[in-house]
Amino acid sequence: MNAAELRARIAEATRSGQPIGQHGQSDDAMDLVERPPLPAAVLVPFVLGPDPSILLTKRTAHLKTHAGQVSFPGGRIDPTDASPEAAALREASEEIALDPHKVELAGRMADYVTGTGFRITPVLGFVPPGLDLRPAPDEVEAVFELKLAILLDPLAPQRKRAHFRGRWREFWVWPHQEHYIWGATAAILVNVAKMLRE
């Protein structure tokens, strides 16, 4: 799928103006969450180069939550954020110096509730290739891309099983030569891939 085909597919999927897909919930021990989920938003940035991809980040190892994990740029929705889109753009600017004016917003996926107590709104956007991105050293260790060809391969994501907090859990994992993509990020990628393939 090239950049033009990607644009056309997302335009078709978002034509109704409603979030794409069904609201989802994490595999990771939802019954252990003791409070209502906090609203959060992430930017799902499609890089529109000759070989399209999705931009991802790896969080630094010293963070209190989700340390060292792969994630989309994003975070909690602040009271001053006008919308999930505003929150996702603000967080992307803070985390990787992504200029909001370089992002063409393209719609939303349905919310995804995590086992760590967040209700995430994935915001779709297009960005040009070759941007000068600078990870915030206190939050982001690396910025990298996952090729769209991998995302479109229905055999690429794998279900894994691990013992966690006294129970077995299952979760999605996406292949990457350097990074371990799992958890909420992997599940949202599964939903994005389903949308693109339908």
C-alpha atoms as a PDB file:
ATOM      1  CA  MET A   1       0.000   0.000   0.000  1.00  0.00           C
ATOM      2  CA  ASN A   2       1.504   3.317  -1.062  1.00  0.00           C
ATOM      3  CA  ALA A   3       0.857   6.734   0.487  1.00  0.00           C
ATOM      4  CA  ALA A   4      -2.038   7.581  -1.844  1.00  0.00           C
ATOM      5  CA  GLU A   5      -3.739   4.247  -1.172  1.00  0.00           C
ATOM      6  CA  LEU A   6      -3.218   4.698   2.559  1.00  0.00           C
ATOM      7  CA  ARG A   7      -4.818   8.143   2.469  1.00  0.00           C
ATOM      8  CA  ALA A   8      -7.770   6.811   0.471  1.00  0.00           C
ATOM      9  CA  ARG A   9      -8.317   3.878   2.831  1.00  0.00           C
ATOM     10  CA  ILE A  10      -8.310   6.037   5.956  1.00  0.00           C
ATOM     11  CA  ALA A  11     -10.554   8.637   4.299  1.00  0.00           C
ATOM     12  CA  GLU A  12     -13.034   5.867   3.499  1.00  0.00           C
ATOM     13  CA  ALA A  13     -12.883   4.459   7.034  1.00  0.00           C
ATOM     14  CA  THR A  14     -13.396   7.878   8.656  1.00  0.00           C
ATOM     15  CA  ARG A  15     -16.092   9.132   6.265  1.00  0.00           C
ATOM     16  CA  SER A  16     -18.865   8.778   8.864  1.00  0.00           C
ATOM     17  CA  GLY A  17     -17.008  11.032  11.300  1.00  0.00           C
ATOM     18  CA  GLN A  18     -17.375   8.383  14.010  1.00  0.00           C
ATOM     19  CA  PRO A  19     -14.438   6.620  15.710  1.00  0.00           C
ATOM     20  CA  ILE A  20     -13.272   3.562  13.766  1.00  0.00           C
ATOM     21  CA  GLY A  21     -13.827   0.095  15.201  1.00  0.00           C
ATOM     22  CA  GLN A  22     -15.184  -1.186  18.489  1.00  0.00           C
ATOM     23  CA  HIS A  23     -14.129   0.046  21.909  1.00  0.00           C
ATOM     24  CA  GLY A  24     -11.490  -2.351  23.192  1.00  0.00           C
ATOM     25  CA  GLN A  25     -10.101  -3.405  26.502  1.00  0.00           C
ATOM     26  CA  SER A  26      -6.707  -4.666  27.502  1.00  0.00           C
ATOM     27  CA  ASP A  27      -5.722  -8.247  28.191  1.00  0.00           C
ATOM     28  CA  ASP A  28      -3.748  -7.192  31.243  1.00  0.00           C
ATOM     29  CA  ALA A  29      -5.794  -7.872  34.355  1.00  0.00           C
ATOM     30  CA  MET A  30      -8.608  -5.344  34.054  1.00  0.00           C
ATOM     31  CA  ASP A  31     -10.104  -6.491  37.369  1.00  0.00           C
ATOM     32  CA  LEU A  32      -7.003  -5.192  39.184  1.00  0.00           C
ATOM     33  CA  VAL A  33      -7.789  -1.582  38.206  1.00  0.00           C
ATOM     34  CA  GLU A  34      -9.320   0.082  41.260  1.00  0.00           C
ATOM     35  CA  ARG A  35     -10.393   3.435  39.816  1.00  0.00           C
ATOM     36  CA  PRO A  36     -12.262   4.707  36.762  1.00  0.00           C
ATOM     37  CA  PRO A  37      -9.898   4.892  33.783  1.00  0.00           C
ATOM     38  CA  LEU A  38      -8.160   8.221  33.206  1.00  0.00           C
ATOM     39  CA  PRO A  39      -8.648   9.841  29.777  1.00  0.00           C
ATOM     40  CA  ALA A  40      -5.569   9.766  27.553  1.00  0.00           C
ATOM     41  CA  ALA A  41      -4.790  10.243  23.880  1.00  0.00           C
ATOM     42  CA  VAL A  42      -2.059   9.007  21.576  1.00  0.00           C
ATOM     43  CA  LEU A  43      -1.070  10.092  18.099  1.00  0.00           C
ATOM     44  CA  VAL A  44      -0.841   7.283  15.538  1.00  0.00           C
ATOM     45  CA  PRO A  45       1.419   9.032  12.995  1.00  0.00           C
ATOM     46  CA  PHE A  46       1.584   7.548   9.500  1.00  0.00           C
ATOM     47  CA  VAL A  47       4.816   8.617   7.792  1.00  0.00           C
ATOM     48  CA  LEU A  48       3.914   9.255   4.144  1.00  0.00           C
ATOM     49  CA  GLY A  49       7.221   8.392   2.487  1.00  0.00           C
ATOM     50  CA  PRO A  50       7.762   6.154  -0.556  1.00  0.00           C
ATOM     51  CA  ASP A  51       7.526   3.197   1.841  1.00  0.00           C
ATOM     52  CA  PRO A  52       4.891   4.294   4.399  1.00  0.00           C
ATOM     53  CA  SER A  53       5.324   3.463   8.067  1.00  0.00           C
ATOM     54  CA  ILE A  54       4.038   4.252  11.556  1.00  0.00           C
ATOM     55  CA  LEU A  55       6.103   6.346  13.953  1.00  0.00           C
ATOM     56  CA  LEU A  56       6.686   4.865  17.424  1.00  0.00           C
ATOM     57  CA  THR A  57       8.726   5.750  20.488  1.00  0.00           C
ATOM     58  CA  LYS A  58      10.560   3.826  23.181  1.00  0.00           C
ATOM     59  CA  ARG A  59      10.141   5.257  26.655  1.00  0.00           C
ATOM     60  CA  THR A  60      13.152   5.793  28.895  1.00  0.00           C
ATOM     61  CA  ALA A  61      13.996   3.111  31.447  1.00  0.00           C
ATOM     62  CA  HIS A  62      13.707   5.351  34.537  1.00  0.00           C
ATOM     63  CA  LEU A  63      10.016   6.285  34.224  1.00  0.00           C
ATOM     64  CA  LYS A  64       7.618   5.249  37.000  1.00  0.00           C
ATOM     65  CA  THR A  65       5.131   3.628  34.615  1.00  0.00           C
ATOM     66  CA  HIS A  66       5.643   1.779  31.322  1.00  0.00           C
ATOM     67  CA  ALA A  67       9.413   2.238  31.603  1.00  0.00           C
ATOM     68  CA  GLY A  68      11.307   1.071  28.524  1.00  0.00           C
ATOM     69  CA  GLN A  69       8.136   0.180  26.657  1.00  0.00           C
ATOM     70  CA  VAL A  70       7.270   1.008  23.063  1.00  0.00           C
ATOM     71  CA  SER A  71       4.426   3.484  22.742  1.00  0.00           C
ATOM     72  CA  PHE A  72       2.816   6.029  20.482  1.00  0.00           C
ATOM     73  CA  PRO A  73       3.489   9.674  21.308  1.00  0.00           C
ATOM     74  CA  GLY A  74       0.821  10.631  23.823  1.00  0.00           C
ATOM     75  CA  GLY A  75      -0.340  10.749  27.399  1.00  0.00           C
ATOM     76  CA  ARG A  76      -3.041  11.994  29.741  1.00  0.00           C
ATOM     77  CA  ILE A  77      -5.616  14.478  28.526  1.00  0.00           C
ATOM     78  CA  ASP A  78      -5.139  17.630  30.595  1.00  0.00           C
ATOM     79  CA  PRO A  79      -8.049  19.887  31.631  1.00  0.00           C
ATOM     80  CA  THR A  80      -6.597  22.573  29.351  1.00  0.00           C
ATOM     81  CA  ASP A  81      -6.686  20.285  26.283  1.00  0.00           C
ATOM     82  CA  ALA A  82      -9.651  21.130  24.062  1.00  0.00           C
ATOM     83  CA  SER A  83      -9.922  17.574  22.687  1.00  0.00           C
ATOM     84  CA  PRO A  84      -8.108  14.241  22.431  1.00  0.00           C
ATOM     85  CA  GLU A  85      -6.548  15.589  19.231  1.00  0.00           C
ATOM     86  CA  ALA A  86      -5.171  18.608  21.088  1.00  0.00           C
ATOM     87  CA  ALA A  87      -3.776  16.356  23.816  1.00  0.00           C
ATOM     88  CA  ALA A  88      -2.140  13.978  21.332  1.00  0.00           C
ATOM     89  CA  LEU A  89      -0.515  16.853  19.415  1.00  0.00           C
ATOM     90  CA  ARG A  90       0.678  18.530  22.625  1.00  0.00           C
ATOM     91  CA  GLU A  91       2.204  15.320  23.939  1.00  0.00           C
ATOM     92  CA  ALA A  92       3.892  14.560  20.591  1.00  0.00           C
ATOM     93  CA  SER A  93       5.401  18.047  20.616  1.00  0.00           C
ATOM     94  CA  GLU A  94       6.649  17.626  24.187  1.00  0.00           C
ATOM     95  CA  GLU A  95       7.968  14.093  23.741  1.00  0.00           C
ATOM     96  CA  ILE A  96       9.599  14.158  20.298  1.00  0.00           C
ATOM     97  CA  ALA A  97       9.422  17.823  19.163  1.00  0.00           C
ATOM     98  CA  LEU A  98       6.878  16.969  16.465  1.00  0.00           C
ATOM     99  CA  ASP A  99       5.576  20.277  15.111  1.00  0.00           C
ATOM    100  CA  PRO A 100       1.734  20.136  15.315  1.00  0.00           C
ATOM    101  CA  HIS A 101       1.566  22.098  12.052  1.00  0.00           C
ATOM    102  CA  LYS A 102       3.305  19.172  10.312  1.00  0.00           C
ATOM    103  CA  VAL A 103       0.523  16.757  11.334  1.00  0.00           C
ATOM    104  CA  GLU A 104      -2.549  16.316   9.142  1.00  0.00           C
ATOM    105  CA  LEU A 105      -5.238  14.869  11.397  1.00  0.00           C
ATOM    106  CA  ALA A 106      -7.228  12.045   9.829  1.00  0.00           C
ATOM    107  CA  GLY A 107      -9.739  10.759  12.398  1.00  0.00           C
ATOM    108  CA  ARG A 108      -9.964   8.627  15.531  1.00  0.00           C
ATOM    109  CA  MET A 109      -9.985   4.969  16.394  1.00  0.00           C
ATOM    110  CA  ALA A 110     -12.384   3.733  19.088  1.00  0.00           C
ATOM    111  CA  ASP A 111     -11.136   4.108  22.658  1.00  0.00           C
ATOM    112  CA  TYR A 112      -8.967   1.424  24.215  1.00  0.00           C
ATOM    113  CA  VAL A 113      -8.966   0.797  27.996  1.00  0.00           C
ATOM    114  CA  THR A 114      -5.709  -0.436  29.504  1.00  0.00           C
ATOM    115  CA  GLY A 115      -5.093  -2.629  32.507  1.00  0.00           C
ATOM    116  CA  THR A 116      -3.055   0.203  34.004  1.00  0.00           C
ATOM    117  CA  GLY A 117      -6.135   2.409  34.239  1.00  0.00           C
ATOM    118  CA  PHE A 118      -6.244   4.596  31.123  1.00  0.00           C
ATOM    119  CA  ARG A 119      -8.911   5.115  28.464  1.00  0.00           C
ATOM    120  CA  ILE A 120      -6.842   5.876  25.361  1.00  0.00           C
ATOM    121  CA  THR A 121      -8.205   7.663  22.307  1.00  0.00           C
ATOM    122  CA  PRO A 122      -5.957   6.843  19.316  1.00  0.00           C
ATOM    123  CA  VAL A 123      -5.805   9.864  16.971  1.00  0.00           C
ATOM    124  CA  LEU A 124      -4.771   9.146  13.379  1.00  0.00           C
ATOM    125  CA  GLY A 125      -2.507  11.570  11.559  1.00  0.00           C
ATOM    126  CA  PHE A 126      -0.254  11.881   8.532  1.00  0.00           C
ATOM    127  CA  VAL A 127       3.275  13.295   8.740  1.00  0.00           C
ATOM    128  CA  PRO A 128       5.873  13.864   6.014  1.00  0.00           C
ATOM    129  CA  PRO A 129       9.094  11.852   5.989  1.00  0.00           C
ATOM    130  CA  GLY A 130      12.412  13.278   7.118  1.00  0.00           C
ATOM    131  CA  LEU A 131      11.190  15.404  10.022  1.00  0.00           C
ATOM    132  CA  ASP A 132      13.762  16.624  12.548  1.00  0.00           C
ATOM    133  CA  LEU A 133      12.443  14.802  15.622  1.00  0.00           C
ATOM    134  CA  ARG A 134      14.226  15.249  18.950  1.00  0.00           C
ATOM    135  CA  PRO A 135      13.282  12.878  21.787  1.00  0.00           C
ATOM    136  CA  ALA A 136      12.846  14.531  25.187  1.00  0.00           C
ATOM    137  CA  PRO A 137      15.665  12.835  27.144  1.00  0.00           C
ATOM    138  CA  ASP A 138      13.646  12.553  30.356  1.00  0.00           C
ATOM    139  CA  GLU A 139      10.802  10.698  28.592  1.00  0.00           C
ATOM    140  CA  VAL A 140      11.839   9.118  25.301  1.00  0.00           C
ATOM    141  CA  GLU A 141      14.870   6.967  24.579  1.00  0.00           C
ATOM    142  CA  ALA A 142      14.294   6.434  20.849  1.00  0.00           C
ATOM    143  CA  VAL A 143      12.025   7.234  17.909  1.00  0.00           C
ATOM    144  CA  PHE A 144      11.647   4.586  15.210  1.00  0.00           C
ATOM    145  CA  GLU A 145       9.275   3.352  12.504  1.00  0.00           C
ATOM    146  CA  LEU A 146       7.278   0.183  11.868  1.00  0.00           C
ATOM    147  CA  LYS A 147       6.865  -0.449   8.145  1.00  0.00           C
ATOM    148  CA  LEU A 148       3.305  -0.458   6.841  1.00  0.00           C
ATOM    149  CA  ALA A 149       4.058  -3.699   4.988  1.00  0.00           C
ATOM    150  CA  ILE A 150       4.531  -5.432   8.351  1.00  0.00           C
ATOM    151  CA  LEU A 151       1.353  -3.870   9.720  1.00  0.00           C
ATOM    152  CA  LEU A 152      -0.621  -5.187   6.746  1.00  0.00           C
ATOM    153  CA  ASP A 153       0.680  -8.749   7.130  1.00  0.00           C
ATOM    154  CA  PRO A 154      -2.050 -10.689   8.998  1.00  0.00           C
ATOM    155  CA  LEU A 155       0.563 -13.218  10.164  1.00  0.00           C
ATOM    156  CA  ALA A 156       2.894 -10.617  11.674  1.00  0.00           C
ATOM    157  CA  PRO A 157       1.300 -10.057  15.120  1.00  0.00           C
ATOM    158  CA  GLN A 158       1.635 -12.977  17.504  1.00  0.00           C
ATOM    159  CA  ARG A 159      -0.233 -13.850  20.678  1.00  0.00           C
ATOM    160  CA  LYS A 160       2.127 -14.385  23.613  1.00  0.00           C
ATOM    161  CA  ARG A 161       1.472 -15.660  27.125  1.00  0.00           C
ATOM    162  CA  ALA A 162       3.172 -14.693  30.385  1.00  0.00           C
ATOM    163  CA  HIS A 163       2.585 -14.914  34.125  1.00  0.00           C
ATOM    164  CA  PHE A 164       1.775 -11.471  35.529  1.00  0.00           C
ATOM    165  CA  ARG A 165       0.614 -10.378  38.991  1.00  0.00           C
ATOM    166  CA  GLY A 166      -0.375 -13.881  40.007  1.00  0.00           C
ATOM    167  CA  ARG A 167      -2.121 -14.917  36.797  1.00  0.00           C
ATOM    168  CA  TRP A 168      -1.511 -15.902  33.216  1.00  0.00           C
ATOM    169  CA  ARG A 169      -2.233 -13.277  30.621  1.00  0.00           C
ATOM    170  CA  GLU A 170      -2.180 -13.123  26.831  1.00  0.00           C
ATOM    171  CA  PHE A 171      -1.142 -10.145  24.736  1.00  0.00           C
ATOM    172  CA  TRP A 172      -0.157  -9.130  21.209  1.00  0.00           C
ATOM    173  CA  VAL A 173       3.453  -8.731  20.061  1.00  0.00           C
ATOM    174  CA  TRP A 174       4.580  -7.203  16.744  1.00  0.00           C
ATOM    175  CA  PRO A 175       7.900  -8.135  15.137  1.00  0.00           C
ATOM    176  CA  HIS A 176      10.669  -5.549  14.963  1.00  0.00           C
ATOM    177  CA  GLN A 177      14.405  -6.057  14.569  1.00  0.00           C
ATOM    178  CA  GLU A 178      15.272  -3.815  17.545  1.00  0.00           C
ATOM    179  CA  HIS A 179      12.229  -3.218  19.728  1.00  0.00           C
ATOM    180  CA  TYR A 180       9.666  -5.331  21.609  1.00  0.00           C
ATOM    181  CA  ILE A 181       6.226  -3.994  20.658  1.00  0.00           C
ATOM    182  CA  TRP A 182       3.544  -5.336  22.997  1.00  0.00           C
ATOM    183  CA  GLY A 183       0.719  -4.317  25.354  1.00  0.00           C
ATOM    184  CA  ALA A 184      -1.698  -1.502  24.555  1.00  0.00           C
ATOM    185  CA  THR A 185       0.468  -0.224  21.697  1.00  0.00           C
ATOM    186  CA  ALA A 186       0.464  -3.641  20.020  1.00  0.00           C
ATOM    187  CA  ALA A 187      -3.299  -4.026  20.532  1.00  0.00           C
ATOM    188  CA  ILE A 188      -4.003  -0.605  19.005  1.00  0.00           C
ATOM    189  CA  LEU A 189      -1.765  -1.556  16.068  1.00  0.00           C
ATOM    190  CA  VAL A 190      -3.856  -4.728  15.619  1.00  0.00           C
ATOM    191  CA  ASN A 191      -6.980  -2.549  15.418  1.00  0.00           C
ATOM    192  CA  VAL A 192      -5.328  -0.149  12.947  1.00  0.00           C
ATOM    193  CA  ALA A 193      -4.180  -3.085  10.788  1.00  0.00           C
ATOM    194  CA  LYS A 194      -7.690  -4.545  10.772  1.00  0.00           C
ATOM    195  CA  MET A 195      -9.097  -1.206   9.667  1.00  0.00           C
ATOM    196  CA  LEU A 196      -6.564  -0.904   6.833  1.00  0.00           C
ATOM    197  CA  ARG A 197      -7.119  -4.466   5.580  1.00  0.00           C
ATOM    198  CA  GLU A 198     -10.923  -4.370   5.587  1.00  0.00           C
END
